[in-house]
Amino acid sequence: MFCYKCGCELNQTDRCPNCGTDVGMYKKILYTSNYLYNDGLEKAQVRDLSGAILSLKQALWYNKDNLNARNLLGLIYYEVGETVAALAEWVIAKNINDERLHEKENAAERYLNEVQSNRQLMDNLNTSIARYNHALDCCRAGNTDVAILQLKKVLSLNPHYLRARQLLSLLYLNSRQWQRAQRELEKCSRLDVSNTTTLRYMKEAEEQLAKERGEDENKRRQNRRRTVPAPSAEPDGEQVIKYTNSDHETIIQPVGSRIPGVDGFAFPVWILGGVIGAILGAAVMAFLVMPARIQQVRSQGAEEVRTVSAQIDSKELEIRDLQGQIENLNAEQERLNTELDQALANASTDGGKANNLFYTAACYINNPEDTATSTSVFRALRPDTAKYDASEQFGALYDALYLRLRSAMLDKIAYSGIAAYEAALPDYQKAISELEEANLYEDPEAYSLTYVKRLFYLGDSYLQLYLNADAATRENMTDNLTKAREYFDRIVNEFSDSEYLVQTQARLQTMNGL
């Protein structure tokens, strides 16, 4: 234990041997934090992960520099599938001043390297998070079947994702699939034995299963035949046996009666009459009812044939009409291609923007599905400068192509910037250039799936360029910090439910310390 003021190693007294600072309360705080860390460690060893998380959070509340507590908290988060929270804890632990803590090795660096170096693992984790968020959206929209399929895929990628398994069990409970819900909850319990959400869902599933078992048992008891073996005497003195059948009807049978086929007496006449009646009924069906039924079926078949024939004739007329429309469209396309070729021939050689626009239009008209070729030249016409000092016809054609190619342009440029940031040796300068350009194509009314990720990558790229520069160069890079803070503040203020919130807050804490 070292003095918080001068860094000198402390002894048994409550005074620092070097500077004389009173460290009595400081020691108590550290002892309390270490005690809570040991408590969290013991709970984690018996898989009481929820209790361990509470103890470790309290340990960090007393001492935010408790490196062991922070690293263990990250491990527990990672174990229950909370990858973002785990990485955030390890990043904070990695940035703690090792000299101040007198620590030679930091396990957080090893954890981060093991996770980030495994590309397949990172892709699986990112995909599972995206699918989990999609499942949540499906639940809010009422598409529970799609949500169940998404959650099953999430658990195939990350079987320890506790929240995903709890949500899947909740959907099973909602659809009254009690046994499936119980199986999923048992897996949750093996992962975290004291999670209150799991225990609450488990109680509900067990109550419903017990209720169903009780109802089944009551039905079996009601359907069971109950007899009264002792004979009773009717008013006329005859001995009878009474019993109640499954329909709650009381049957009275004389004691001396015999059962046909058992007591050896002749076949009853009423049974013979029933057999004769059945034979007569079959004959009536064969000679009277069946011919009429066969005629009815034939009439229905003929009517269905006529209906199908009429539908076929209608479809043939519709096909001929569509073929005529296709011929007209082909002719129109040939006319437009001719006009486009003429316009390209008349365009001046120094009209760079016009040539790019016409080339893009020609590529799109010839093959609308080949967006890679269309966007290769259209990218030169940046949305913020393309229509500057341009004619009205140029602007109209640009707007028409922009509406059709905006999404493809956004995906192409955005994923190029993301790849530059996520590379083994990140190219932050290229990431900034690509992602800034991608934001020009963003629809502010309906943000794309990668928008928050791009905001975080942009802010972090500016920050990393500043941190990696030497002291002399940093003096001229204050704009980098301004840009980084701008993007981080947007995430905190506008996207507080994002998965990048924790990492953003960690970056802001780092910037506040600069």
Protein backbone atom coordinates (compact mmCIF):
# COMPACT_ATOMS: atom_id res chain seq x y z
CA MET A 1 0.00 0.00 0.00
CA PHE A 2 1.37 3.39 -1.05
CA CYS A 3 0.67 6.96 0.01
CA TYR A 4 -1.83 8.71 -2.24
CA LYS A 5 0.02 12.00 -1.91
CA CYS A 6 3.75 11.21 -2.31
CA GLY A 7 3.71 7.57 -3.44
CA CYS A 8 5.82 6.31 -0.54
CA GLU A 9 5.17 2.78 0.76
CA LEU A 10 3.11 2.90 3.96
CA ASN A 11 3.83 1.08 7.21
CA GLN A 12 1.57 -0.02 10.08
CA THR A 13 1.01 3.54 11.38
CA ASP A 14 -1.65 5.95 10.21
CA ARG A 15 0.94 8.49 9.07
CA CYS A 16 2.98 8.44 5.87
CA PRO A 17 6.64 7.89 6.84
CA ASN A 18 7.74 10.30 4.11
CA CYS A 19 5.33 13.27 4.02
CA GLY A 20 3.47 12.71 7.29
CA THR A 21 0.01 12.73 5.71
CA ASP A 22 -2.81 11.17 7.76
CA VAL A 23 -3.66 7.99 5.80
CA GLY A 24 -5.89 6.27 8.37
CA MET A 25 -9.15 6.90 6.52
CA TYR A 26 -7.41 6.18 3.20
CA LYS A 27 -6.37 2.74 4.49
CA LYS A 28 -9.90 1.96 5.64
CA ILE A 29 -11.25 2.85 2.20
CA LEU A 30 -8.74 0.58 0.47
CA TYR A 31 -9.37 -2.24 2.95
CA THR A 32 -13.12 -1.94 2.32
CA SER A 33 -12.61 -1.99 -1.45
CA ASN A 34 -10.36 -5.06 -1.17
CA TYR A 35 -12.87 -6.80 1.11
CA LEU A 36 -15.66 -6.22 -1.41
CA TYR A 37 -13.39 -7.49 -4.19
CA ASN A 38 -12.73 -10.71 -2.23
CA ASP A 39 -16.47 -11.05 -1.63
CA GLY A 40 -17.15 -10.64 -5.35
CA LEU A 41 -14.44 -13.18 -6.16
CA GLU A 42 -15.99 -15.76 -3.82
CA LYS A 43 -19.42 -15.24 -5.35
CA ALA A 44 -18.04 -15.54 -8.86
CA GLN A 45 -16.39 -18.85 -7.98
CA VAL A 46 -19.81 -20.35 -7.12
CA ARG A 47 -21.42 -18.66 -10.21
CA ASP A 48 -23.35 -16.10 -8.19
CA LEU A 49 -22.53 -13.62 -10.95
CA SER A 50 -25.26 -11.09 -10.15
CA GLY A 51 -24.08 -10.86 -6.54
CA ALA A 52 -20.46 -10.66 -7.71
CA ILE A 53 -21.28 -7.73 -10.00
CA LEU A 54 -22.88 -5.82 -7.12
CA SER A 55 -19.90 -6.43 -4.82
CA LEU A 56 -17.37 -5.43 -7.48
CA LYS A 57 -19.28 -2.25 -8.35
CA GLN A 58 -19.23 -1.32 -4.65
CA ALA A 59 -15.51 -2.08 -4.53
CA LEU A 60 -14.94 0.31 -7.45
CA TRP A 61 -17.15 2.91 -5.79
CA TYR A 62 -14.74 2.95 -2.85
CA ASN A 63 -11.63 2.77 -5.03
CA LYS A 64 -11.98 3.34 -8.78
CA ASP A 65 -8.31 2.31 -9.23
CA ASN A 66 -8.89 -1.19 -7.85
CA LEU A 67 -7.38 -2.92 -10.84
CA ASN A 68 -8.25 -6.48 -9.79
CA ALA A 69 -11.90 -5.58 -9.17
CA ARG A 70 -12.22 -3.82 -12.52
CA ASN A 71 -10.64 -6.68 -14.47
CA LEU A 72 -12.80 -9.29 -12.70
CA LEU A 73 -15.91 -7.21 -13.38
CA GLY A 74 -14.98 -7.19 -17.07
CA LEU A 75 -14.55 -10.97 -17.03
CA ILE A 76 -17.99 -11.45 -15.47
CA TYR A 77 -19.60 -9.12 -18.00
CA TYR A 78 -17.92 -11.09 -20.78
CA GLU A 79 -19.14 -14.38 -19.28
CA VAL A 80 -22.81 -13.28 -19.37
CA GLY A 81 -22.50 -11.93 -22.93
CA GLU A 82 -22.25 -8.21 -22.09
CA THR A 83 -19.26 -7.74 -24.39
CA VAL A 84 -19.45 -3.95 -24.67
CA ALA A 85 -19.50 -3.47 -20.91
CA ALA A 86 -16.59 -5.93 -20.52
CA LEU A 87 -14.45 -4.13 -23.10
CA ALA A 88 -15.24 -0.79 -21.46
CA GLU A 89 -14.01 -2.02 -18.07
CA TRP A 90 -10.83 -3.43 -19.62
CA VAL A 91 -10.15 -0.23 -21.56
CA ILE A 92 -10.49 1.81 -18.37
CA ALA A 93 -8.22 -0.63 -16.53
CA LYS A 94 -5.66 -0.45 -19.34
CA ASN A 95 -5.54 3.35 -19.13
CA ILE A 96 -5.02 3.43 -15.35
CA ASN A 97 -1.61 4.82 -14.46
CA ASP A 98 0.45 1.72 -13.69
CA GLU A 99 3.25 3.72 -12.09
CA ARG A 100 0.86 5.29 -9.63
CA LEU A 101 -0.51 1.86 -8.75
CA HIS A 102 2.96 0.23 -8.72
CA GLU A 103 1.65 -2.58 -10.94
CA LYS A 104 4.03 -4.25 -13.35
CA GLU A 105 1.48 -6.24 -15.34
CA ASN A 106 -2.08 -5.41 -16.24
CA ALA A 107 -4.29 -8.38 -17.14
CA ALA A 108 -6.67 -6.05 -19.01
CA GLU A 109 -4.15 -5.70 -21.85
CA ARG A 110 -4.05 -9.48 -22.27
CA TYR A 111 -7.83 -9.74 -22.25
CA LEU A 112 -8.21 -7.01 -24.88
CA ASN A 113 -5.57 -8.56 -27.13
CA GLU A 114 -7.17 -12.01 -26.92
CA VAL A 115 -10.60 -10.67 -27.87
CA GLN A 116 -9.58 -8.11 -30.50
CA SER A 117 -7.05 -10.36 -32.22
CA ASN A 118 -9.71 -13.02 -32.90
CA ARG A 119 -11.50 -11.57 -35.91
CA GLN A 120 -14.10 -14.34 -36.10
CA LEU A 121 -14.95 -13.90 -32.43
CA MET A 122 -15.41 -10.14 -32.85
CA ASP A 123 -17.65 -10.67 -35.88
CA ASN A 124 -19.77 -13.19 -33.96
CA LEU A 125 -20.10 -10.82 -31.00
CA ASN A 126 -21.07 -7.87 -33.19
CA THR A 127 -23.54 -9.99 -35.14
CA SER A 128 -25.13 -11.35 -31.96
CA ILE A 129 -25.59 -7.81 -30.60
CA ALA A 130 -27.14 -6.62 -33.86
CA ARG A 131 -29.50 -9.61 -33.99
CA TYR A 132 -30.46 -9.10 -30.32
CA ASN A 133 -31.37 -5.47 -31.04
CA HIS A 134 -33.39 -6.61 -34.06
CA ALA A 135 -35.21 -9.12 -31.85
CA LEU A 136 -36.07 -6.30 -29.43
CA ASP A 137 -37.50 -4.25 -32.30
CA CYS A 138 -39.56 -7.26 -33.43
CA CYS A 139 -40.89 -7.68 -29.88
CA ARG A 140 -41.96 -4.04 -29.77
CA ALA A 141 -43.67 -4.48 -33.15
CA GLY A 142 -45.42 -7.67 -32.01
CA ASN A 143 -43.50 -10.01 -34.36
CA THR A 144 -42.70 -12.56 -31.65
CA ASP A 145 -42.10 -15.44 -34.08
CA VAL A 146 -39.36 -13.48 -35.89
CA ALA A 147 -37.93 -12.41 -32.52
CA ILE A 148 -37.69 -16.06 -31.40
CA LEU A 149 -35.84 -17.00 -34.60
CA GLN A 150 -33.43 -14.08 -34.17
CA LEU A 151 -32.74 -14.98 -30.54
CA LYS A 152 -32.03 -18.61 -31.45
CA LYS A 153 -29.45 -17.38 -33.97
CA VAL A 154 -27.98 -15.07 -31.31
CA LEU A 155 -27.58 -17.96 -28.89
CA SER A 156 -26.01 -20.14 -31.57
CA LEU A 157 -23.33 -17.43 -31.97
CA ASN A 158 -23.00 -16.57 -28.26
CA PRO A 159 -24.54 -19.26 -25.98
CA HIS A 160 -23.62 -17.27 -22.83
CA TYR A 161 -25.65 -14.19 -23.80
CA LEU A 162 -27.79 -14.13 -20.65
CA ARG A 163 -30.13 -11.32 -21.63
CA ALA A 164 -30.90 -12.96 -24.98
CA ARG A 165 -31.75 -16.29 -23.33
CA GLN A 166 -33.93 -14.53 -20.73
CA LEU A 167 -35.79 -12.70 -23.51
CA LEU A 168 -36.28 -15.99 -25.37
CA SER A 169 -37.71 -17.61 -22.23
CA LEU A 170 -40.01 -14.61 -21.74
CA LEU A 171 -41.35 -15.02 -25.28
CA TYR A 172 -41.96 -18.72 -24.58
CA LEU A 173 -43.85 -17.74 -21.42
CA ASN A 174 -45.90 -15.26 -23.39
CA SER A 175 -46.84 -17.96 -25.91
CA ARG A 176 -47.67 -20.44 -23.08
CA GLN A 177 -44.82 -22.80 -23.97
CA TRP A 178 -44.02 -23.47 -20.34
CA GLN A 179 -41.66 -26.44 -20.77
CA ARG A 180 -39.50 -24.68 -23.37
CA ALA A 181 -39.33 -21.62 -21.15
CA GLN A 182 -38.31 -23.78 -18.20
CA ARG A 183 -35.50 -25.39 -20.21
CA GLU A 184 -34.10 -22.01 -21.25
CA LEU A 185 -34.36 -20.70 -17.70
CA GLU A 186 -32.49 -23.72 -16.35
CA LYS A 187 -29.64 -22.84 -18.71
CA CYS A 188 -29.78 -19.25 -17.43
CA SER A 189 -29.65 -20.52 -13.85
CA ARG A 190 -26.57 -22.63 -14.59
CA LEU A 191 -24.91 -19.49 -15.94
CA ASP A 192 -25.93 -17.20 -13.05
CA VAL A 193 -27.52 -18.89 -10.06
CA SER A 194 -28.93 -15.78 -8.35
CA ASN A 195 -30.16 -13.60 -11.20
CA THR A 196 -33.48 -12.15 -10.02
CA THR A 197 -34.95 -11.96 -13.51
CA THR A 198 -34.23 -15.64 -14.11
CA LEU A 199 -35.69 -16.61 -10.74
CA ARG A 200 -38.85 -14.57 -11.34
CA TYR A 201 -39.43 -16.15 -14.75
CA MET A 202 -38.66 -19.60 -13.34
CA LYS A 203 -41.28 -19.15 -10.63
CA GLU A 204 -43.89 -18.22 -13.23
CA ALA A 205 -43.05 -21.24 -15.42
CA GLU A 206 -43.14 -23.66 -12.48
CA GLU A 207 -46.49 -22.28 -11.28
CA GLN A 208 -48.04 -22.68 -14.74
CA LEU A 209 -46.65 -26.20 -15.15
CA ALA A 210 -47.97 -27.18 -11.71
CA LYS A 211 -51.37 -25.77 -12.60
CA GLU A 212 -51.45 -27.78 -15.83
CA ARG A 213 -50.46 -30.98 -14.02
CA GLY A 214 -53.21 -30.37 -11.46
CA GLU A 215 -55.81 -29.87 -14.19
CA ASP A 216 -54.73 -33.07 -15.95
CA GLU A 217 -54.97 -35.02 -12.71
CA ASN A 218 -58.48 -33.68 -12.07
CA LYS A 219 -59.58 -34.76 -15.55
CA ARG A 220 -58.22 -38.25 -15.01
CA ARG A 221 -60.06 -38.52 -11.73
CA GLN A 222 -63.31 -37.37 -13.30
CA ASN A 223 -62.99 -39.88 -16.16
CA ARG A 224 -62.14 -42.79 -13.88
CA ARG A 225 -65.00 -45.29 -13.43
CA ARG A 226 -66.27 -45.41 -9.91
CA THR A 227 -68.20 -48.49 -8.76
CA VAL A 228 -70.18 -49.33 -5.67
CA PRO A 229 -69.48 -53.03 -5.01
CA ALA A 230 -72.05 -53.54 -2.29
CA PRO A 231 -75.54 -54.38 -3.58
CA SER A 232 -78.50 -52.36 -2.41
CA ALA A 233 -82.13 -53.29 -2.13
CA GLU A 234 -84.79 -51.55 -4.22
CA PRO A 235 -88.21 -50.97 -2.71
CA ASP A 236 -89.51 -54.20 -4.28
CA GLY A 237 -86.76 -56.19 -2.54
CA GLU A 238 -84.62 -56.90 -5.62
CA GLN A 239 -80.83 -56.83 -5.02
CA VAL A 240 -79.05 -54.43 -7.40
CA ILE A 241 -75.60 -52.89 -7.95
CA LYS A 242 -75.30 -49.14 -8.53
CA TYR A 243 -72.30 -47.43 -10.14
CA THR A 244 -71.56 -44.11 -11.84
CA ASN A 245 -69.97 -43.95 -15.28
CA SER A 246 -67.65 -41.24 -16.73
CA ASP A 247 -70.69 -39.10 -17.75
CA HIS A 248 -71.92 -38.95 -14.14
CA GLU A 249 -74.89 -41.23 -14.95
CA THR A 250 -76.05 -43.66 -12.30
CA ILE A 251 -76.39 -47.21 -13.65
CA ILE A 252 -78.56 -49.74 -11.74
CA GLN A 253 -77.93 -53.43 -12.55
CA PRO A 254 -79.72 -56.37 -10.90
CA VAL A 255 -77.45 -58.74 -9.07
CA GLY A 256 -78.73 -61.77 -10.95
CA SER A 257 -78.43 -60.30 -14.42
CA ARG A 258 -76.01 -61.91 -16.81
CA ILE A 259 -73.67 -60.32 -19.31
CA PRO A 260 -74.16 -61.46 -22.96
CA GLY A 261 -71.31 -63.58 -24.23
CA VAL A 262 -69.97 -64.12 -20.70
CA ASP A 263 -72.69 -65.90 -18.77
CA GLY A 264 -73.48 -68.27 -21.67
CA PHE A 265 -76.99 -67.21 -22.71
CA ALA A 266 -78.21 -66.53 -26.28
CA PHE A 267 -77.37 -63.48 -28.39
CA PRO A 268 -79.82 -60.62 -27.56
CA VAL A 269 -82.51 -59.80 -30.11
CA TRP A 270 -81.88 -56.07 -29.93
CA ILE A 271 -78.33 -56.53 -31.15
CA LEU A 272 -79.62 -58.55 -34.12
CA GLY A 273 -82.07 -55.76 -34.92
CA GLY A 274 -79.26 -53.23 -34.82
CA VAL A 275 -77.22 -55.29 -37.30
CA ILE A 276 -80.18 -55.55 -39.69
CA GLY A 277 -80.78 -51.80 -39.40
CA ALA A 278 -77.15 -51.10 -40.22
CA ILE A 279 -77.37 -53.29 -43.34
CA LEU A 280 -80.53 -51.51 -44.50
CA GLY A 281 -78.92 -48.11 -43.89
CA ALA A 282 -75.89 -49.10 -45.98
CA ALA A 283 -78.19 -50.20 -48.80
CA VAL A 284 -80.05 -46.87 -48.73
CA MET A 285 -76.70 -45.02 -48.86
CA ALA A 286 -75.50 -47.13 -51.81
CA PHE A 287 -78.64 -46.84 -53.97
CA LEU A 288 -80.11 -43.45 -53.05
CA VAL A 289 -77.63 -41.11 -51.39
CA MET A 290 -74.34 -41.95 -53.12
CA PRO A 291 -75.49 -41.39 -56.74
CA ALA A 292 -76.74 -37.91 -55.84
CA ARG A 293 -73.50 -37.16 -54.04
CA ILE A 294 -71.42 -38.36 -56.98
CA GLN A 295 -73.41 -36.14 -59.35
CA GLN A 296 -72.89 -33.16 -57.04
CA VAL A 297 -69.11 -33.75 -56.95
CA ARG A 298 -69.00 -34.01 -60.75
CA SER A 299 -70.90 -30.72 -61.08
CA GLN A 300 -68.52 -29.00 -58.70
CA GLY A 301 -65.53 -30.36 -60.66
CA ALA A 302 -66.93 -29.09 -63.97
CA GLU A 303 -67.56 -25.65 -62.44
CA GLU A 304 -63.98 -25.48 -61.12
CA VAL A 305 -62.65 -26.43 -64.57
CA ARG A 306 -64.65 -23.60 -66.16
CA THR A 307 -63.37 -21.14 -63.54
CA VAL A 308 -59.74 -22.16 -64.06
CA SER A 309 -60.14 -21.90 -67.86
CA ALA A 310 -61.51 -18.37 -67.50
CA GLN A 311 -58.59 -17.43 -65.25
CA ILE A 312 -56.10 -18.85 -67.78
CA ASP A 313 -57.70 -16.79 -70.57
CA SER A 314 -57.48 -13.68 -68.38
CA LYS A 315 -53.80 -14.35 -67.57
CA GLU A 316 -53.00 -14.79 -71.28
CA LEU A 317 -54.55 -11.41 -72.04
CA GLU A 318 -52.59 -9.87 -69.17
CA ILE A 319 -49.35 -11.46 -70.44
CA ARG A 320 -49.90 -10.06 -73.93
CA ASP A 321 -50.56 -6.63 -72.43
CA LEU A 322 -47.36 -6.80 -70.35
CA GLN A 323 -45.36 -7.90 -73.38
CA GLY A 324 -46.62 -4.84 -75.23
CA GLN A 325 -45.57 -2.64 -72.30
CA ILE A 326 -42.11 -4.27 -72.33
CA GLU A 327 -41.72 -3.51 -76.04
CA ASN A 328 -42.72 0.10 -75.45
CA LEU A 329 -40.27 0.40 -72.55
CA ASN A 330 -37.46 -1.08 -74.65
CA ALA A 331 -38.18 1.43 -77.38
CA GLU A 332 -38.22 4.24 -74.82
CA GLN A 333 -34.90 3.02 -73.43
CA GLU A 334 -33.34 2.99 -76.88
CA ARG A 335 -34.55 6.55 -77.44
CA LEU A 336 -33.12 7.69 -74.10
CA ASN A 337 -29.80 5.97 -74.84
CA THR A 338 -29.67 7.77 -78.20
CA GLU A 339 -30.36 11.11 -76.53
CA LEU A 340 -27.77 10.38 -73.86
CA ASP A 341 -25.14 9.47 -76.44
CA GLN A 342 -25.92 12.70 -78.27
CA ALA A 343 -25.66 14.69 -75.04
CA LEU A 344 -22.33 13.06 -74.22
CA ALA A 345 -21.07 13.82 -77.71
CA ASN A 346 -22.12 17.46 -77.38
CA ALA A 347 -20.66 17.89 -73.89
CA SER A 348 -17.41 19.86 -73.85
CA THR A 349 -14.25 18.02 -72.93
CA ASP A 350 -13.57 20.35 -70.00
CA GLY A 351 -17.03 19.88 -68.51
CA GLY A 352 -15.84 17.39 -65.86
CA LYS A 353 -18.97 17.45 -63.72
CA ALA A 354 -21.29 17.09 -66.71
CA ASN A 355 -19.28 14.17 -68.08
CA ASN A 356 -19.32 12.41 -64.71
CA LEU A 357 -23.05 12.97 -64.34
CA PHE A 358 -23.83 11.74 -67.87
CA TYR A 359 -21.58 8.72 -67.45
CA THR A 360 -23.34 7.82 -64.20
CA ALA A 361 -26.76 8.24 -65.84
CA ALA A 362 -25.72 6.02 -68.76
CA CYS A 363 -24.44 3.28 -66.44
CA TYR A 364 -27.61 3.40 -64.35
CA ILE A 365 -29.95 3.29 -67.36
CA ASN A 366 -28.09 0.39 -68.97
CA ASN A 367 -27.95 -1.66 -65.77
CA PRO A 368 -29.77 -0.26 -62.72
CA GLU A 369 -28.64 -3.25 -60.60
CA ASP A 370 -24.92 -2.57 -61.18
CA THR A 371 -24.55 0.12 -58.53
CA ALA A 372 -20.82 -0.50 -58.20
CA THR A 373 -20.18 0.90 -61.70
CA SER A 374 -22.70 3.72 -61.33
CA THR A 375 -21.24 4.95 -58.06
CA SER A 376 -17.59 4.72 -59.18
CA VAL A 377 -17.84 8.07 -61.05
CA PHE A 378 -20.82 9.55 -59.21
CA ARG A 379 -18.66 9.78 -56.09
CA ALA A 380 -16.69 12.61 -57.69
CA LEU A 381 -19.87 14.72 -57.55
CA ARG A 382 -19.96 15.44 -53.83
CA PRO A 383 -23.44 16.43 -52.58
CA ASP A 384 -22.15 19.63 -50.96
CA THR A 385 -20.58 21.03 -54.17
CA ALA A 386 -22.13 19.17 -57.12
CA LYS A 387 -24.89 21.68 -57.94
CA TYR A 388 -22.80 24.79 -57.28
CA ASP A 389 -23.04 27.15 -60.28
CA ALA A 390 -24.83 24.44 -62.32
CA SER A 391 -27.79 24.65 -64.67
CA GLU A 392 -31.34 23.73 -63.67
CA GLN A 393 -31.28 20.65 -65.93
CA PHE A 394 -28.01 19.50 -64.36
CA GLY A 395 -29.50 19.86 -60.88
CA ALA A 396 -32.64 17.97 -61.79
CA LEU A 397 -30.68 15.06 -63.26
CA TYR A 398 -28.32 15.03 -60.27
CA ASP A 399 -31.23 14.95 -57.79
CA ALA A 400 -32.87 12.07 -59.67
CA LEU A 401 -29.67 10.01 -59.63
CA TYR A 402 -28.94 10.96 -56.00
CA LEU A 403 -32.26 9.54 -54.83
CA ARG A 404 -31.51 6.23 -56.55
CA LEU A 405 -27.83 5.91 -55.65
CA ARG A 406 -27.67 7.56 -52.21
CA SER A 407 -28.08 4.31 -50.28
CA ALA A 408 -25.45 2.49 -52.38
CA MET A 409 -23.03 5.43 -52.06
CA LEU A 410 -23.53 5.51 -48.29
CA ASP A 411 -22.85 1.78 -47.88
CA LYS A 412 -19.83 1.79 -50.18
CA ILE A 413 -18.07 4.75 -48.56
CA ALA A 414 -19.14 3.94 -44.98
CA TYR A 415 -17.86 0.36 -45.07
CA SER A 416 -14.60 1.54 -46.63
CA GLY A 417 -14.07 3.89 -43.67
CA ILE A 418 -15.11 1.24 -41.15
CA ALA A 419 -12.65 -1.23 -42.68
CA ALA A 420 -9.85 1.35 -42.43
CA TYR A 421 -10.61 1.87 -38.73
CA GLU A 422 -10.97 -1.84 -37.88
CA ALA A 423 -7.83 -2.94 -39.75
CA ALA A 424 -5.01 -4.66 -37.88
CA LEU A 425 -3.01 -1.44 -38.38
CA PRO A 426 -5.77 1.21 -38.35
CA ASP A 427 -5.53 4.02 -40.91
CA TYR A 428 -7.24 6.75 -38.92
CA GLN A 429 -6.66 9.44 -41.56
CA LYS A 430 -8.39 7.36 -44.24
CA ALA A 431 -11.17 6.43 -41.81
CA ILE A 432 -11.83 10.13 -41.14
CA SER A 433 -11.86 10.99 -44.86
CA GLU A 434 -14.20 8.13 -45.79
CA LEU A 435 -16.60 8.45 -42.84
CA GLU A 436 -16.89 12.24 -43.16
CA GLU A 437 -17.81 11.77 -46.82
CA ALA A 438 -20.27 8.99 -45.95
CA ASN A 439 -22.11 11.37 -43.60
CA LEU A 440 -22.89 13.59 -46.61
CA TYR A 441 -25.16 10.83 -47.92
CA GLU A 442 -26.90 10.16 -44.57
CA ASP A 443 -30.66 10.69 -44.45
CA PRO A 444 -31.34 12.79 -41.31
CA GLU A 445 -34.94 11.54 -41.24
CA ALA A 446 -33.99 7.84 -41.13
CA TYR A 447 -30.51 7.07 -39.87
CA SER A 448 -28.79 3.96 -41.25
CA LEU A 449 -27.74 1.00 -39.09
CA THR A 450 -24.08 2.06 -39.10
CA TYR A 451 -24.66 5.71 -38.24
CA VAL A 452 -23.88 5.58 -34.51
CA LYS A 453 -20.90 3.28 -35.17
CA ARG A 454 -19.57 5.81 -37.69
CA LEU A 455 -19.99 8.67 -35.21
CA PHE A 456 -17.96 6.73 -32.62
CA TYR A 457 -15.29 5.71 -35.14
CA LEU A 458 -14.97 9.31 -36.36
CA GLY A 459 -14.56 10.70 -32.87
CA ASP A 460 -12.10 8.00 -31.87
CA SER A 461 -10.07 8.45 -35.09
CA TYR A 462 -9.62 12.16 -34.37
CA LEU A 463 -8.70 11.33 -30.77
CA GLN A 464 -6.21 8.60 -31.71
CA LEU A 465 -4.46 10.86 -34.23
CA TYR A 466 -4.03 13.40 -31.45
CA LEU A 467 -2.83 10.85 -28.89
CA ASN A 468 -0.36 9.25 -31.31
CA ALA A 469 1.24 12.59 -32.24
CA ASP A 470 4.31 13.94 -30.46
CA ALA A 471 4.12 16.89 -28.08
CA ALA A 472 5.18 19.45 -30.68
CA THR A 473 2.62 18.31 -33.22
CA ARG A 474 -0.23 18.17 -30.70
CA GLU A 475 -0.15 21.95 -30.30
CA ASN A 476 -1.44 22.27 -33.87
CA MET A 477 -4.04 19.50 -33.50
CA THR A 478 -6.48 21.04 -31.03
CA ASP A 479 -9.14 20.87 -33.75
CA ASN A 480 -8.92 17.08 -33.49
CA LEU A 481 -10.07 17.20 -29.88
CA THR A 482 -12.88 19.59 -30.80
CA LYS A 483 -14.06 17.28 -33.57
CA ALA A 484 -13.80 14.18 -31.35
CA ARG A 485 -15.78 15.84 -28.54
CA GLU A 486 -18.42 16.96 -31.03
CA TYR A 487 -19.09 13.40 -32.22
CA PHE A 488 -18.89 11.89 -28.71
CA ASP A 489 -21.35 14.49 -27.37
CA ARG A 490 -23.80 13.59 -30.14
CA ILE A 491 -23.75 9.95 -29.10
CA VAL A 492 -24.28 10.84 -25.41
CA ASN A 493 -27.07 13.38 -26.07
CA GLU A 494 -28.92 11.82 -29.03
CA PHE A 495 -28.19 8.10 -28.83
CA SER A 496 -28.02 7.35 -25.11
CA ASP A 497 -29.39 3.82 -25.66
CA SER A 498 -26.59 2.91 -28.07
CA GLU A 499 -24.16 0.05 -27.44
CA TYR A 500 -21.31 2.57 -27.89
CA LEU A 501 -22.39 4.75 -24.97
CA VAL A 502 -20.04 3.15 -22.43
CA GLN A 503 -17.04 3.35 -24.76
CA THR A 504 -17.92 6.97 -25.60
CA GLN A 505 -18.02 7.91 -21.92
CA ALA A 506 -14.64 6.24 -21.44
CA ARG A 507 -13.19 8.31 -24.31
CA LEU A 508 -14.63 11.52 -22.83
CA GLN A 509 -13.02 10.72 -19.47
CA THR A 510 -9.70 10.25 -21.27
CA MET A 511 -10.11 13.62 -23.01
CA ASN A 512 -10.98 15.35 -19.74
CA GLY A 513 -7.65 14.17 -18.35
CA LEU A 514 -5.64 15.66 -21.22
